[in-house]
C-alpha atoms as a PDB file:
ATOM      1  CA  UNK A   1       0.243  -0.026   0.078  1.00  0.00           C
ATOM      2  CA  UNK A   2       1.437   3.501  -0.926  1.00  0.00           C
ATOM      3  CA  UNK A   3       1.754   5.496   2.232  1.00  0.00           C
ATOM      4  CA  UNK A   4      -0.757   8.652   1.948  1.00  0.00           C
ATOM      5  CA  UNK A   5       1.019  12.263   1.868  1.00  0.00           C
ATOM      6  CA  UNK A   6      -0.531  14.938   3.691  1.00  0.00           C
ATOM      7  CA  UNK A   7      -1.545  18.050   1.704  1.00  0.00           C
ATOM      8  CA  UNK A   8      -3.069  21.765   2.719  1.00  0.00           C
ATOM      9  CA  UNK A   9      -6.058  22.776   0.666  1.00  0.00           C
ATOM     10  CA  UNK A  10      -7.356  25.658   1.193  1.00  0.00           C
ATOM     11  CA  UNK A  11     -10.990  25.906  -0.090  1.00  0.00           C
ATOM     12  CA  UNK A  12     -13.895  28.465   0.512  1.00  0.00           C
ATOM     13  CA  UNK A  13     -15.466  27.735   3.242  1.00  0.00           C
ATOM     14  CA  UNK A  14     -19.076  27.705   1.802  1.00  0.00           C
ATOM     15  CA  UNK A  15     -17.472  24.743  -0.360  1.00  0.00           C
ATOM     16  CA  UNK A  16     -16.407  23.051   2.727  1.00  0.00           C
ATOM     17  CA  UNK A  17     -19.238  23.330   4.323  1.00  0.00           C
ATOM     18  CA  UNK A  18     -21.278  21.689   1.451  1.00  0.00           C
ATOM     19  CA  UNK A  19     -18.506  18.802   1.211  1.00  0.00           C
ATOM     20  CA  UNK A  20     -19.016  17.999   4.689  1.00  0.00           C
ATOM     21  CA  UNK A  21     -22.691  18.027   4.227  1.00  0.00           C
ATOM     22  CA  UNK A  22     -22.751  15.324   1.918  1.00  0.00           C
ATOM     23  CA  UNK A  23     -20.089  13.367   3.102  1.00  0.00           C
ATOM     24  CA  UNK A  24     -22.665  13.480   6.760  1.00  0.00           C
ATOM     25  CA  UNK A  25     -25.239  12.283   4.096  1.00  0.00           C
ATOM     26  CA  UNK A  26     -22.939   9.363   3.307  1.00  0.00           C
ATOM     27  CA  UNK A  27     -22.176   8.835   7.001  1.00  0.00           C
ATOM     28  CA  UNK A  28     -18.282   9.351   6.083  1.00  0.00           C
ATOM     29  CA  UNK A  29     -15.800  11.914   6.659  1.00  0.00           C
ATOM     30  CA  UNK A  30     -15.184  14.437   4.471  1.00  0.00           C
ATOM     31  CA  UNK A  31     -11.823  14.033   3.781  1.00  0.00           C
ATOM     32  CA  UNK A  32     -12.445  10.478   2.442  1.00  0.00           C
ATOM     33  CA  UNK A  33     -15.036  11.830   0.175  1.00  0.00           C
ATOM     34  CA  UNK A  34     -12.809  14.124  -1.436  1.00  0.00           C
ATOM     35  CA  UNK A  35     -10.275  11.554  -1.835  1.00  0.00           C
ATOM     36  CA  UNK A  36     -12.424   9.525  -3.708  1.00  0.00           C
ATOM     37  CA  UNK A  37     -14.157  12.576  -5.765  1.00  0.00           C
ATOM     38  CA  UNK A  38     -10.435  13.292  -6.560  1.00  0.00           C
ATOM     39  CA  UNK A  39     -10.025   9.737  -7.594  1.00  0.00           C
ATOM     40  CA  UNK A  40     -13.010   9.430  -9.644  1.00  0.00           C
ATOM     41  CA  UNK A  41     -12.457  12.718 -11.684  1.00  0.00           C
ATOM     42  CA  UNK A  42      -8.067  11.533 -12.427  1.00  0.00           C
ATOM     43  CA  UNK A  43      -9.442   8.418 -13.208  1.00  0.00           C
ATOM     44  CA  UNK A  44     -11.919   9.338 -15.829  1.00  0.00           C
ATOM     45  CA  UNK A  45     -10.321  12.403 -17.311  1.00  0.00           C
ATOM     46  CA  UNK A  46      -7.051   9.122 -17.956  1.00  0.00           C
ATOM     47  CA  UNK A  47      -9.299   6.985 -19.971  1.00  0.00           C
ATOM     48  CA  UNK A  48     -11.181   9.609 -21.931  1.00  0.00           C
ATOM     49  CA  UNK A  49      -8.015  10.674 -22.912  1.00  0.00           C
ATOM     50  CA  UNK A  50      -7.257   7.701 -24.765  1.00  0.00           C
END
């Protein structure tokens, strides 16, 4: 397994609030939701670039 690297990311407060609300709906941590969304987007971008 690849060791996660901590990063700092500045988001508008309103956006972070909306992400936290969505994470609560899914009963999970908001940071995990952000990681999943980023992974899905990158994977999709790579597929469409082929």
